[in-house]
């Protein structure tokens, strides 16, 4: 692969911990000289998330692409998946990193389709919570964890962000049959700066 990589992060909902994690990754990857882009849902998030996207726009060489993504599998999911695949194919990523259940499924399936078309793309997956929230004793949980085991064959690297996540994956899905690693979330230098109290703070 080239020294400068085209990296695309795919995930459903741009809120909470996943969005924070992706923002941290994109910031570090841009600083390292890579071309980075985001593909995520357009129907979730509010004014706060829009403000964060505005802050990121100038640094995302591959852009920020938002398209409707359903949380659960349903009648509109096929059309949503096709639109998302079209966006990712246009971006021609060297690395396609899926986050969460939906982003992970898209990244691994679409990355595999791109490989059939002779694209060289690495398929990375970070579960975060996603399917790991299901109870492994229920029918739904058993189905999702069977799908996770099946999808491992379409995954080049599995990245965990906490030991709890890794232990949960091993307990509910099984020992990963693919390369994997634990990379903790970090804090930036700015987050250690003292916060000035407002005059009317409690």
N, C-alpha and C. Protein backbone atom coordinates (compact mmCIF):
# COMPACT_ATOMS: atom_id res chain seq x y z
N UNK A 1 0.83 -1.20 0.00
CA UNK A 1 0.00 0.00 0.00
C UNK A 1 0.87 1.26 0.00
N UNK A 2 0.29 2.34 -0.47
CA UNK A 2 1.01 3.61 -0.54
C UNK A 2 1.23 4.16 0.86
N UNK A 3 2.23 5.06 0.98
CA UNK A 3 2.49 5.70 2.27
C UNK A 3 1.31 6.56 2.70
N UNK A 4 0.70 7.25 1.74
CA UNK A 4 -0.50 8.03 2.02
C UNK A 4 -1.71 7.18 1.68
N UNK A 5 -2.52 6.88 2.67
CA UNK A 5 -3.66 5.98 2.50
C UNK A 5 -4.97 6.76 2.36
N UNK A 6 -5.91 6.16 1.64
CA UNK A 6 -7.28 6.66 1.57
C UNK A 6 -8.08 5.83 2.57
N UNK A 7 -8.47 6.48 3.67
CA UNK A 7 -9.12 5.79 4.78
C UNK A 7 -10.56 6.28 4.91
N UNK A 8 -11.50 5.34 4.91
CA UNK A 8 -12.92 5.68 5.06
C UNK A 8 -13.48 4.99 6.30
N UNK A 9 -14.13 5.78 7.15
CA UNK A 9 -14.80 5.25 8.33
C UNK A 9 -16.30 5.17 8.05
N UNK A 10 -16.88 4.00 8.27
CA UNK A 10 -18.31 3.79 8.01
C UNK A 10 -18.99 3.39 9.32
N UNK A 11 -20.04 4.13 9.69
CA UNK A 11 -20.78 3.81 10.90
C UNK A 11 -22.18 4.39 10.76
N UNK A 12 -23.10 3.93 11.58
CA UNK A 12 -24.47 4.40 11.43
C UNK A 12 -24.68 5.75 12.13
N UNK A 13 -24.76 5.74 13.43
CA UNK A 13 -25.21 6.94 14.13
C UNK A 13 -24.04 7.82 14.60
N UNK A 14 -23.98 9.07 14.12
CA UNK A 14 -22.89 9.98 14.53
C UNK A 14 -23.18 10.66 15.86
N UNK A 15 -23.32 9.88 16.91
CA UNK A 15 -23.54 10.41 18.26
C UNK A 15 -22.73 9.57 19.25
N UNK A 16 -22.54 10.10 20.44
CA UNK A 16 -21.97 9.33 21.53
C UNK A 16 -20.54 8.86 21.33
N UNK A 17 -20.26 7.70 21.92
CA UNK A 17 -18.90 7.19 21.97
C UNK A 17 -18.30 6.84 20.63
N UNK A 18 -19.10 6.24 19.74
CA UNK A 18 -18.56 5.88 18.42
C UNK A 18 -18.12 7.13 17.68
N UNK A 19 -18.94 8.17 17.71
CA UNK A 19 -18.60 9.40 16.99
C UNK A 19 -17.36 10.04 17.58
N UNK A 20 -17.24 10.03 18.90
CA UNK A 20 -16.04 10.57 19.54
C UNK A 20 -14.81 9.76 19.10
N UNK A 21 -14.94 8.45 19.09
CA UNK A 21 -13.84 7.57 18.70
C UNK A 21 -13.42 7.84 17.25
N UNK A 22 -14.40 7.95 16.36
CA UNK A 22 -14.10 8.20 14.94
C UNK A 22 -13.44 9.57 14.77
N UNK A 23 -13.91 10.57 15.50
CA UNK A 23 -13.30 11.90 15.39
C UNK A 23 -11.84 11.86 15.83
N UNK A 24 -11.57 11.14 16.90
CA UNK A 24 -10.18 11.01 17.37
C UNK A 24 -9.31 10.32 16.31
N UNK A 25 -9.84 9.25 15.72
CA UNK A 25 -9.08 8.53 14.70
C UNK A 25 -8.82 9.40 13.48
N UNK A 26 -9.85 10.08 13.00
CA UNK A 26 -9.67 10.90 11.79
C UNK A 26 -8.67 12.01 12.03
N UNK A 27 -8.71 12.61 13.22
CA UNK A 27 -7.77 13.69 13.53
C UNK A 27 -6.33 13.18 13.49
N UNK A 28 -6.09 12.02 14.09
CA UNK A 28 -4.74 11.45 14.10
C UNK A 28 -4.31 11.01 12.71
N UNK A 29 -5.23 10.46 11.95
CA UNK A 29 -4.89 9.98 10.60
C UNK A 29 -4.61 11.14 9.65
N UNK A 30 -5.38 12.21 9.76
CA UNK A 30 -5.11 13.40 8.95
C UNK A 30 -3.76 13.99 9.32
N UNK A 31 -3.46 14.05 10.62
CA UNK A 31 -2.17 14.58 11.07
C UNK A 31 -1.01 13.73 10.55
N UNK A 32 -1.26 12.44 10.32
CA UNK A 32 -0.22 11.54 9.80
C UNK A 32 -0.09 11.63 8.28
N UNK A 33 -0.93 12.46 7.65
CA UNK A 33 -0.81 12.69 6.22
C UNK A 33 -1.71 11.85 5.34
N UNK A 34 -2.71 11.20 5.93
CA UNK A 34 -3.60 10.36 5.14
C UNK A 34 -4.83 11.14 4.67
N UNK A 35 -5.46 10.66 3.60
CA UNK A 35 -6.71 11.23 3.10
C UNK A 35 -7.85 10.44 3.75
N UNK A 36 -8.71 11.15 4.47
CA UNK A 36 -9.71 10.48 5.31
C UNK A 36 -11.11 10.96 4.95
N UNK A 37 -12.08 10.06 5.07
CA UNK A 37 -13.47 10.39 4.83
C UNK A 37 -14.39 9.64 5.77
N UNK A 38 -15.64 10.09 5.84
CA UNK A 38 -16.64 9.50 6.72
C UNK A 38 -17.90 9.22 5.91
N UNK A 39 -18.52 8.05 6.16
CA UNK A 39 -19.83 7.72 5.61
C UNK A 39 -20.70 7.29 6.79
N UNK A 40 -21.81 8.02 7.03
CA UNK A 40 -22.66 7.69 8.17
C UNK A 40 -24.10 8.10 7.91
N UNK A 41 -24.95 7.84 8.88
CA UNK A 41 -26.39 8.11 8.78
C UNK A 41 -26.68 9.60 8.76
N UNK A 42 -27.72 9.96 8.02
CA UNK A 42 -28.12 11.37 7.92
C UNK A 42 -29.34 11.70 8.77
N UNK A 43 -29.93 10.70 9.42
CA UNK A 43 -31.18 10.94 10.15
C UNK A 43 -31.00 11.02 11.66
N UNK A 44 -29.78 10.83 12.15
CA UNK A 44 -29.52 10.92 13.59
C UNK A 44 -28.55 12.05 13.88
N UNK A 45 -28.53 12.47 15.14
CA UNK A 45 -27.69 13.60 15.52
C UNK A 45 -28.51 14.88 15.54
N UNK A 46 -27.96 15.89 16.20
CA UNK A 46 -28.65 17.17 16.31
C UNK A 46 -27.72 18.32 16.04
N UNK A 47 -28.03 19.48 16.64
CA UNK A 47 -27.23 20.69 16.40
C UNK A 47 -25.78 20.51 16.87
N UNK A 48 -25.60 19.82 17.99
CA UNK A 48 -24.24 19.63 18.50
C UNK A 48 -23.39 18.84 17.51
N UNK A 49 -23.97 17.75 16.97
CA UNK A 49 -23.23 16.93 16.01
C UNK A 49 -22.98 17.69 14.71
N UNK A 50 -23.95 18.51 14.30
CA UNK A 50 -23.75 19.32 13.10
C UNK A 50 -22.58 20.28 13.27
N UNK A 51 -22.47 20.84 14.47
CA UNK A 51 -21.35 21.74 14.78
C UNK A 51 -20.02 20.99 14.69
N UNK A 52 -20.00 19.76 15.19
CA UNK A 52 -18.77 18.96 15.12
C UNK A 52 -18.41 18.63 13.68
N UNK A 53 -19.41 18.30 12.87
CA UNK A 53 -19.15 18.02 11.46
C UNK A 53 -18.58 19.25 10.75
N UNK A 54 -19.13 20.41 11.08
CA UNK A 54 -18.63 21.65 10.47
C UNK A 54 -17.16 21.87 10.80
N UNK A 55 -16.77 21.55 12.03
CA UNK A 55 -15.37 21.69 12.44
C UNK A 55 -14.46 20.73 11.68
N UNK A 56 -14.99 19.58 11.28
CA UNK A 56 -14.19 18.55 10.63
C UNK A 56 -14.08 18.73 9.13
N UNK A 57 -15.04 19.40 8.53
CA UNK A 57 -15.15 19.44 7.06
C UNK A 57 -13.86 19.83 6.36
N UNK A 58 -13.18 20.82 6.87
CA UNK A 58 -11.99 21.32 6.19
C UNK A 58 -10.83 20.35 6.17
N UNK A 59 -10.87 19.33 7.02
CA UNK A 59 -9.74 18.39 7.10
C UNK A 59 -10.02 17.06 6.41
N UNK A 60 -11.27 16.82 6.04
CA UNK A 60 -11.65 15.52 5.46
C UNK A 60 -11.45 15.54 3.94
N UNK A 61 -10.29 15.09 3.48
CA UNK A 61 -9.99 15.12 2.04
C UNK A 61 -10.97 14.28 1.23
N UNK A 62 -11.50 13.22 1.83
CA UNK A 62 -12.46 12.36 1.13
C UNK A 62 -13.90 12.73 1.46
N UNK A 63 -14.08 13.77 2.26
CA UNK A 63 -15.41 14.29 2.52
C UNK A 63 -16.17 13.60 3.63
N UNK A 64 -17.29 14.22 3.99
CA UNK A 64 -18.24 13.67 4.96
C UNK A 64 -19.53 13.39 4.20
N UNK A 65 -19.90 12.13 4.13
CA UNK A 65 -21.04 11.71 3.32
C UNK A 65 -22.11 11.12 4.24
N UNK A 66 -23.29 11.74 4.23
CA UNK A 66 -24.37 11.29 5.10
C UNK A 66 -25.54 10.81 4.25
N UNK A 67 -26.03 9.64 4.55
CA UNK A 67 -27.13 9.02 3.82
C UNK A 67 -27.99 8.24 4.81
N UNK A 68 -29.29 8.13 4.58
CA UNK A 68 -30.14 7.41 5.55
C UNK A 68 -29.70 5.96 5.74
N UNK A 69 -29.56 5.57 7.00
CA UNK A 69 -29.24 4.18 7.35
C UNK A 69 -30.19 3.75 8.46
N UNK A 70 -30.95 2.70 8.22
CA UNK A 70 -31.86 2.20 9.23
C UNK A 70 -31.10 1.47 10.33
N UNK A 71 -31.62 1.59 11.55
CA UNK A 71 -30.97 0.88 12.66
C UNK A 71 -31.18 -0.63 12.54
N UNK A 72 -32.43 -1.01 12.25
CA UNK A 72 -32.76 -2.43 12.17
C UNK A 72 -32.95 -2.83 10.71
N UNK A 73 -32.78 -4.11 10.44
CA UNK A 73 -32.98 -4.62 9.08
C UNK A 73 -34.46 -4.50 8.74
N UNK A 74 -34.76 -3.90 7.58
CA UNK A 74 -36.14 -3.71 7.16
C UNK A 74 -36.25 -3.57 5.66
N UNK A 75 -37.46 -3.27 5.16
CA UNK A 75 -37.69 -3.18 3.71
C UNK A 75 -36.80 -2.16 3.01
N UNK A 76 -36.49 -1.05 3.70
CA UNK A 76 -35.69 0.00 3.07
C UNK A 76 -34.19 -0.22 3.18
N UNK A 77 -33.79 -1.30 3.85
CA UNK A 77 -32.37 -1.52 4.12
C UNK A 77 -31.57 -1.80 2.85
N UNK A 78 -32.18 -2.50 1.90
CA UNK A 78 -31.47 -2.84 0.67
C UNK A 78 -31.12 -1.58 -0.13
N UNK A 79 -32.10 -0.67 -0.24
CA UNK A 79 -31.85 0.59 -0.96
C UNK A 79 -30.80 1.41 -0.25
N UNK A 80 -30.88 1.45 1.08
CA UNK A 80 -29.90 2.19 1.88
C UNK A 80 -28.50 1.61 1.69
N UNK A 81 -28.41 0.29 1.70
CA UNK A 81 -27.11 -0.37 1.53
C UNK A 81 -26.54 -0.08 0.14
N UNK A 82 -27.39 -0.10 -0.87
CA UNK A 82 -26.92 0.15 -2.24
C UNK A 82 -26.38 1.58 -2.39
N UNK A 83 -27.09 2.55 -1.78
CA UNK A 83 -26.62 3.94 -1.82
C UNK A 83 -25.27 4.06 -1.12
N UNK A 84 -25.15 3.42 0.03
CA UNK A 84 -23.91 3.49 0.79
C UNK A 84 -22.76 2.85 0.03
N UNK A 85 -23.03 1.73 -0.61
CA UNK A 85 -21.99 1.07 -1.41
C UNK A 85 -21.52 1.98 -2.55
N UNK A 86 -22.47 2.67 -3.18
CA UNK A 86 -22.10 3.59 -4.27
C UNK A 86 -21.17 4.69 -3.80
N UNK A 87 -21.45 5.24 -2.62
CA UNK A 87 -20.60 6.29 -2.05
C UNK A 87 -19.20 5.76 -1.79
N UNK A 88 -19.13 4.60 -1.13
CA UNK A 88 -17.83 4.02 -0.77
C UNK A 88 -17.03 3.65 -2.01
N UNK A 89 -17.70 3.11 -3.02
CA UNK A 89 -17.01 2.73 -4.25
C UNK A 89 -16.37 3.95 -4.92
N UNK A 90 -17.09 5.07 -4.91
CA UNK A 90 -16.55 6.31 -5.49
C UNK A 90 -15.32 6.80 -4.74
N UNK A 91 -15.27 6.55 -3.45
CA UNK A 91 -14.15 7.03 -2.62
C UNK A 91 -12.89 6.18 -2.80
N UNK A 92 -13.03 4.96 -3.32
CA UNK A 92 -11.89 4.08 -3.61
C UNK A 92 -10.93 3.97 -2.40
N UNK A 93 -11.41 3.49 -1.26
CA UNK A 93 -10.55 3.44 -0.07
C UNK A 93 -9.48 2.36 -0.13
N UNK A 94 -8.35 2.65 0.50
CA UNK A 94 -7.34 1.63 0.77
C UNK A 94 -7.68 0.89 2.05
N UNK A 95 -8.29 1.63 2.98
CA UNK A 95 -8.71 1.08 4.27
C UNK A 95 -10.17 1.45 4.49
N UNK A 96 -10.99 0.45 4.77
CA UNK A 96 -12.41 0.68 5.06
C UNK A 96 -12.66 0.16 6.48
N UNK A 97 -12.92 1.08 7.40
CA UNK A 97 -13.03 0.75 8.82
C UNK A 97 -14.49 0.91 9.24
N UNK A 98 -15.12 -0.22 9.56
CA UNK A 98 -16.51 -0.20 10.01
C UNK A 98 -16.60 -0.19 11.52
N UNK A 99 -17.55 0.62 12.03
CA UNK A 99 -17.73 0.77 13.48
C UNK A 99 -19.17 0.39 13.84
N UNK A 100 -19.33 -0.43 14.89
CA UNK A 100 -20.66 -0.85 15.29
C UNK A 100 -21.23 -1.91 14.36
N UNK A 101 -22.44 -2.39 14.68
CA UNK A 101 -23.03 -3.50 13.93
C UNK A 101 -23.27 -3.15 12.47
N UNK A 102 -23.96 -2.05 12.23
CA UNK A 102 -24.30 -1.68 10.85
C UNK A 102 -23.06 -1.28 10.06
N UNK A 103 -22.24 -0.40 10.62
CA UNK A 103 -21.02 0.02 9.94
C UNK A 103 -20.08 -1.15 9.70
N UNK A 104 -20.02 -2.07 10.67
CA UNK A 104 -19.16 -3.23 10.52
C UNK A 104 -19.62 -4.15 9.40
N UNK A 105 -20.94 -4.35 9.32
CA UNK A 105 -21.49 -5.19 8.25
C UNK A 105 -21.24 -4.55 6.89
N UNK A 106 -21.52 -3.25 6.78
CA UNK A 106 -21.31 -2.55 5.51
C UNK A 106 -19.84 -2.59 5.09
N UNK A 107 -18.94 -2.28 6.01
CA UNK A 107 -17.52 -2.20 5.66
C UNK A 107 -16.99 -3.54 5.17
N UNK A 108 -17.40 -4.61 5.82
CA UNK A 108 -16.87 -5.92 5.44
C UNK A 108 -17.50 -6.45 4.15
N UNK A 109 -18.81 -6.24 4.00
CA UNK A 109 -19.47 -6.69 2.77
C UNK A 109 -19.03 -5.86 1.57
N UNK A 110 -19.05 -4.54 1.74
CA UNK A 110 -18.70 -3.67 0.62
C UNK A 110 -17.21 -3.76 0.29
N UNK A 111 -16.38 -3.90 1.33
CA UNK A 111 -14.96 -4.09 1.08
C UNK A 111 -14.70 -5.36 0.29
N UNK A 112 -15.47 -6.40 0.58
CA UNK A 112 -15.33 -7.66 -0.15
C UNK A 112 -15.80 -7.51 -1.59
N UNK A 113 -16.89 -6.77 -1.81
CA UNK A 113 -17.37 -6.51 -3.17
C UNK A 113 -16.34 -5.71 -3.96
N UNK A 114 -15.70 -4.75 -3.31
CA UNK A 114 -14.66 -3.97 -3.99
C UNK A 114 -13.48 -4.86 -4.37
N UNK A 115 -13.17 -5.82 -3.53
CA UNK A 115 -12.07 -6.74 -3.86
C UNK A 115 -12.40 -7.59 -5.09
N UNK A 116 -13.68 -7.96 -5.23
CA UNK A 116 -14.10 -8.70 -6.42
C UNK A 116 -13.86 -7.87 -7.66
N UNK A 117 -14.02 -6.53 -7.51
CA UNK A 117 -13.77 -5.60 -8.62
C UNK A 117 -12.30 -5.21 -8.72
N UNK A 118 -11.44 -5.96 -8.03
CA UNK A 118 -9.98 -5.80 -8.08
C UNK A 118 -9.47 -4.53 -7.38
N UNK A 119 -10.26 -4.00 -6.45
CA UNK A 119 -9.76 -2.94 -5.58
C UNK A 119 -8.97 -3.61 -4.45
N UNK A 120 -7.89 -2.96 -4.04
CA UNK A 120 -7.15 -3.44 -2.88
C UNK A 120 -7.60 -2.65 -1.66
N UNK A 121 -8.38 -3.27 -0.82
CA UNK A 121 -8.91 -2.56 0.34
C UNK A 121 -8.82 -3.46 1.57
N UNK A 122 -8.31 -2.89 2.67
CA UNK A 122 -8.25 -3.60 3.95
C UNK A 122 -9.57 -3.37 4.69
N UNK A 123 -10.16 -4.46 5.21
CA UNK A 123 -11.46 -4.40 5.88
C UNK A 123 -11.26 -4.52 7.39
N UNK A 124 -11.43 -3.40 8.09
CA UNK A 124 -11.26 -3.35 9.54
C UNK A 124 -12.63 -3.25 10.21
N UNK A 125 -12.72 -3.79 11.42
CA UNK A 125 -13.99 -3.78 12.15
C UNK A 125 -13.75 -3.54 13.63
N UNK A 126 -14.49 -2.57 14.19
CA UNK A 126 -14.53 -2.32 15.63
C UNK A 126 -15.96 -2.51 16.10
N UNK A 127 -16.25 -3.53 16.93
CA UNK A 127 -17.63 -3.78 17.34
C UNK A 127 -18.24 -2.67 18.20
N UNK A 128 -17.42 -2.05 19.07
CA UNK A 128 -17.90 -1.07 20.06
C UNK A 128 -18.95 -1.75 20.94
N UNK A 129 -20.21 -1.55 20.68
CA UNK A 129 -21.27 -2.26 21.39
C UNK A 129 -22.00 -3.12 20.37
N UNK A 130 -22.84 -2.46 19.58
CA UNK A 130 -23.53 -3.13 18.48
C UNK A 130 -24.16 -4.44 18.88
N UNK A 131 -23.85 -5.48 18.14
CA UNK A 131 -24.46 -6.79 18.38
C UNK A 131 -24.03 -7.39 19.71
N UNK A 132 -22.94 -6.88 20.29
CA UNK A 132 -22.47 -7.43 21.56
C UNK A 132 -23.43 -7.16 22.71
N UNK A 133 -24.39 -6.24 22.51
CA UNK A 133 -25.36 -5.95 23.56
C UNK A 133 -26.39 -7.08 23.73
N UNK A 134 -26.55 -7.91 22.71
CA UNK A 134 -27.57 -8.95 22.79
C UNK A 134 -27.18 -10.05 23.78
N UNK A 135 -28.20 -10.66 24.35
CA UNK A 135 -28.01 -11.78 25.28
C UNK A 135 -27.75 -13.05 24.46
N UNK A 136 -26.65 -13.70 24.74
CA UNK A 136 -26.26 -14.87 23.95
C UNK A 136 -27.17 -16.08 24.17
N UNK A 137 -28.07 -16.00 25.17
CA UNK A 137 -28.97 -17.13 25.41
C UNK A 137 -30.28 -17.00 24.65
N UNK A 138 -30.54 -15.84 24.02
CA UNK A 138 -31.78 -15.63 23.27
C UNK A 138 -31.59 -16.03 21.81
N UNK A 139 -32.72 -16.25 21.12
CA UNK A 139 -32.67 -16.62 19.70
C UNK A 139 -32.05 -15.50 18.88
N UNK A 140 -32.42 -14.25 19.21
CA UNK A 140 -31.86 -13.10 18.48
C UNK A 140 -30.36 -13.02 18.69
N UNK A 141 -29.93 -13.18 19.94
CA UNK A 141 -28.50 -13.13 20.23
C UNK A 141 -27.74 -14.23 19.51
N UNK A 142 -28.27 -15.44 19.54
CA UNK A 142 -27.61 -16.55 18.86
C UNK A 142 -27.47 -16.29 17.36
N UNK A 143 -28.52 -15.68 16.76
CA UNK A 143 -28.46 -15.35 15.33
C UNK A 143 -27.37 -14.33 15.05
N UNK A 144 -27.35 -13.25 15.84
CA UNK A 144 -26.37 -12.19 15.61
C UNK A 144 -24.94 -12.69 15.83
N UNK A 145 -24.73 -13.52 16.82
CA UNK A 145 -23.37 -13.99 17.09
C UNK A 145 -22.93 -15.02 16.05
N UNK A 146 -23.89 -15.76 15.50
CA UNK A 146 -23.56 -16.66 14.38
C UNK A 146 -23.16 -15.83 13.16
N UNK A 147 -23.87 -14.71 12.94
CA UNK A 147 -23.51 -13.81 11.83
C UNK A 147 -22.13 -13.20 12.04
N UNK A 148 -21.82 -12.84 13.29
CA UNK A 148 -20.49 -12.30 13.59
C UNK A 148 -19.40 -13.32 13.26
N UNK A 149 -19.64 -14.58 13.62
CA UNK A 149 -18.65 -15.62 13.32
C UNK A 149 -18.50 -15.80 11.81
N UNK A 150 -19.62 -15.73 11.09
CA UNK A 150 -19.58 -15.86 9.64
C UNK A 150 -18.83 -14.69 9.01
N UNK A 151 -19.09 -13.47 9.51
CA UNK A 151 -18.50 -12.26 8.93
C UNK A 151 -17.00 -12.18 9.18
N UNK A 152 -16.49 -12.95 10.12
CA UNK A 152 -15.05 -12.91 10.41
C UNK A 152 -14.22 -13.26 9.18
N UNK A 153 -14.77 -14.09 8.30
CA UNK A 153 -14.01 -14.49 7.10
C UNK A 153 -13.88 -13.33 6.11
N UNK A 154 -14.68 -12.28 6.31
CA UNK A 154 -14.60 -11.10 5.45
C UNK A 154 -13.91 -9.93 6.16
N UNK A 155 -13.23 -10.23 7.25
CA UNK A 155 -12.58 -9.21 8.08
C UNK A 155 -11.07 -9.42 8.06
N UNK A 156 -10.33 -8.35 7.80
CA UNK A 156 -8.87 -8.46 7.79
C UNK A 156 -8.27 -8.19 9.16
N UNK A 157 -8.94 -7.34 9.94
CA UNK A 157 -8.39 -6.99 11.25
C UNK A 157 -9.53 -6.55 12.16
N UNK A 158 -9.47 -7.00 13.40
CA UNK A 158 -10.48 -6.68 14.40
C UNK A 158 -9.84 -5.81 15.46
N UNK A 159 -10.43 -4.63 15.69
CA UNK A 159 -9.87 -3.68 16.65
C UNK A 159 -10.85 -3.44 17.79
N UNK A 160 -10.40 -3.70 19.01
CA UNK A 160 -11.20 -3.44 20.20
C UNK A 160 -10.71 -2.16 20.87
N UNK A 161 -11.64 -1.44 21.53
CA UNK A 161 -11.26 -0.20 22.20
C UNK A 161 -11.23 -0.35 23.73
N UNK A 162 -11.65 -1.51 24.23
CA UNK A 162 -11.58 -1.74 25.68
C UNK A 162 -11.44 -3.24 25.94
N UNK A 163 -10.89 -3.56 27.11
CA UNK A 163 -10.74 -4.96 27.48
C UNK A 163 -12.11 -5.60 27.69
N UNK A 164 -13.06 -4.82 28.20
CA UNK A 164 -14.42 -5.34 28.40
C UNK A 164 -15.03 -5.75 27.06
N UNK A 165 -14.85 -4.91 26.05
CA UNK A 165 -15.37 -5.22 24.71
C UNK A 165 -14.74 -6.50 24.18
N UNK A 166 -13.44 -6.64 24.32
CA UNK A 166 -12.74 -7.82 23.83
C UNK A 166 -13.19 -9.08 24.57
N UNK A 167 -13.31 -8.98 25.91
CA UNK A 167 -13.76 -10.14 26.68
C UNK A 167 -15.19 -10.53 26.33
N UNK A 168 -16.05 -9.53 26.10
CA UNK A 168 -17.44 -9.80 25.73
C UNK A 168 -17.51 -10.48 24.37
N UNK A 169 -16.70 -10.02 23.44
CA UNK A 169 -16.66 -10.64 22.11
C UNK A 169 -16.23 -12.10 22.23
N UNK A 170 -15.20 -12.35 22.99
CA UNK A 170 -14.71 -13.73 23.14
C UNK A 170 -15.75 -14.63 23.81
N UNK A 171 -16.48 -14.08 24.77
CA UNK A 171 -17.48 -14.88 25.49
C UNK A 171 -18.71 -15.16 24.62
N UNK A 172 -19.16 -14.15 23.88
CA UNK A 172 -20.41 -14.30 23.13
C UNK A 172 -20.22 -14.80 21.70
N UNK A 173 -19.13 -14.40 21.07
CA UNK A 173 -18.89 -14.77 19.67
C UNK A 173 -17.88 -15.91 19.59
N UNK A 174 -16.81 -15.80 20.38
CA UNK A 174 -15.75 -16.80 20.35
C UNK A 174 -14.40 -16.15 20.13
N UNK A 175 -13.35 -16.93 20.21
CA UNK A 175 -12.01 -16.41 19.97
C UNK A 175 -11.89 -15.99 18.51
N UNK A 176 -11.48 -14.75 18.25
CA UNK A 176 -11.39 -14.29 16.86
C UNK A 176 -10.40 -15.14 16.06
N UNK A 177 -10.81 -15.62 14.88
CA UNK A 177 -9.91 -16.42 14.04
C UNK A 177 -9.05 -15.56 13.12
N UNK A 178 -9.03 -14.26 13.38
CA UNK A 178 -8.34 -13.30 12.52
C UNK A 178 -7.44 -12.42 13.39
N UNK A 179 -6.48 -11.71 12.79
CA UNK A 179 -5.64 -10.79 13.57
C UNK A 179 -6.50 -9.77 14.32
N UNK A 180 -6.16 -9.49 15.57
CA UNK A 180 -6.93 -8.54 16.37
C UNK A 180 -6.04 -7.90 17.40
N UNK A 181 -6.49 -6.75 17.89
CA UNK A 181 -5.69 -6.02 18.87
C UNK A 181 -6.59 -5.14 19.71
N UNK A 182 -6.09 -4.75 20.86
CA UNK A 182 -6.78 -3.83 21.76
C UNK A 182 -6.04 -2.50 21.74
N UNK A 183 -6.74 -1.45 21.31
CA UNK A 183 -6.17 -0.10 21.26
C UNK A 183 -7.10 0.80 22.07
N UNK A 184 -6.62 1.23 23.23
CA UNK A 184 -7.47 2.04 24.10
C UNK A 184 -7.73 3.42 23.50
N UNK A 185 -8.91 3.95 23.82
CA UNK A 185 -9.18 5.35 23.48
C UNK A 185 -8.25 6.24 24.29
N UNK A 186 -7.90 7.39 23.72
CA UNK A 186 -6.98 8.29 24.40
C UNK A 186 -7.60 9.65 24.66
N UNK A 187 -6.82 10.53 25.21
CA UNK A 187 -7.21 11.91 25.46
C UNK A 187 -6.20 12.82 24.80
N UNK A 188 -6.68 13.94 24.29
CA UNK A 188 -5.78 14.91 23.67
C UNK A 188 -5.20 15.83 24.73
N UNK A 189 -4.14 16.52 24.39
CA UNK A 189 -3.49 17.44 25.34
C UNK A 189 -4.46 18.52 25.80
N UNK A 190 -5.32 18.97 24.88
CA UNK A 190 -6.26 20.05 25.22
C UNK A 190 -7.23 19.64 26.32
N UNK A 191 -7.48 18.34 26.45
CA UNK A 191 -8.45 17.87 27.44
C UNK A 191 -7.88 17.86 28.86
N UNK A 192 -6.60 18.16 28.99
CA UNK A 192 -5.99 18.29 30.31
C UNK A 192 -5.90 19.75 30.75
N UNK A 193 -6.35 20.66 29.89
CA UNK A 193 -6.33 22.07 30.24
C UNK A 193 -7.40 22.36 31.29
N UNK A 194 -7.11 23.20 32.29
CA UNK A 194 -8.12 23.56 33.29
C UNK A 194 -9.32 24.25 32.63
N UNK A 195 -10.49 23.98 33.16
CA UNK A 195 -11.72 24.60 32.66
C UNK A 195 -12.09 25.75 33.58
N UNK A 196 -12.25 26.93 33.00
CA UNK A 196 -12.60 28.11 33.81
C UNK A 196 -14.08 28.04 34.19
N UNK A 197 -14.36 28.20 35.48
CA UNK A 197 -15.74 28.16 35.96
C UNK A 197 -16.46 29.45 35.57
N UNK A 198 -17.70 29.31 35.12
CA UNK A 198 -18.53 30.47 34.80
C UNK A 198 -19.00 31.12 36.10
N UNK A 199 -19.22 32.45 36.08
CA UNK A 199 -19.63 33.15 37.31
C UNK A 199 -20.91 32.58 37.92
N UNK A 200 -21.83 32.09 37.08
CA UNK A 200 -23.11 31.59 37.60
C UNK A 200 -23.14 30.08 37.75
N UNK A 201 -21.96 29.43 37.72
CA UNK A 201 -21.94 27.97 37.85
C UNK A 201 -22.28 27.55 39.28
N UNK A 202 -22.84 26.37 39.43
CA UNK A 202 -23.27 25.91 40.76
C UNK A 202 -22.07 25.50 41.60
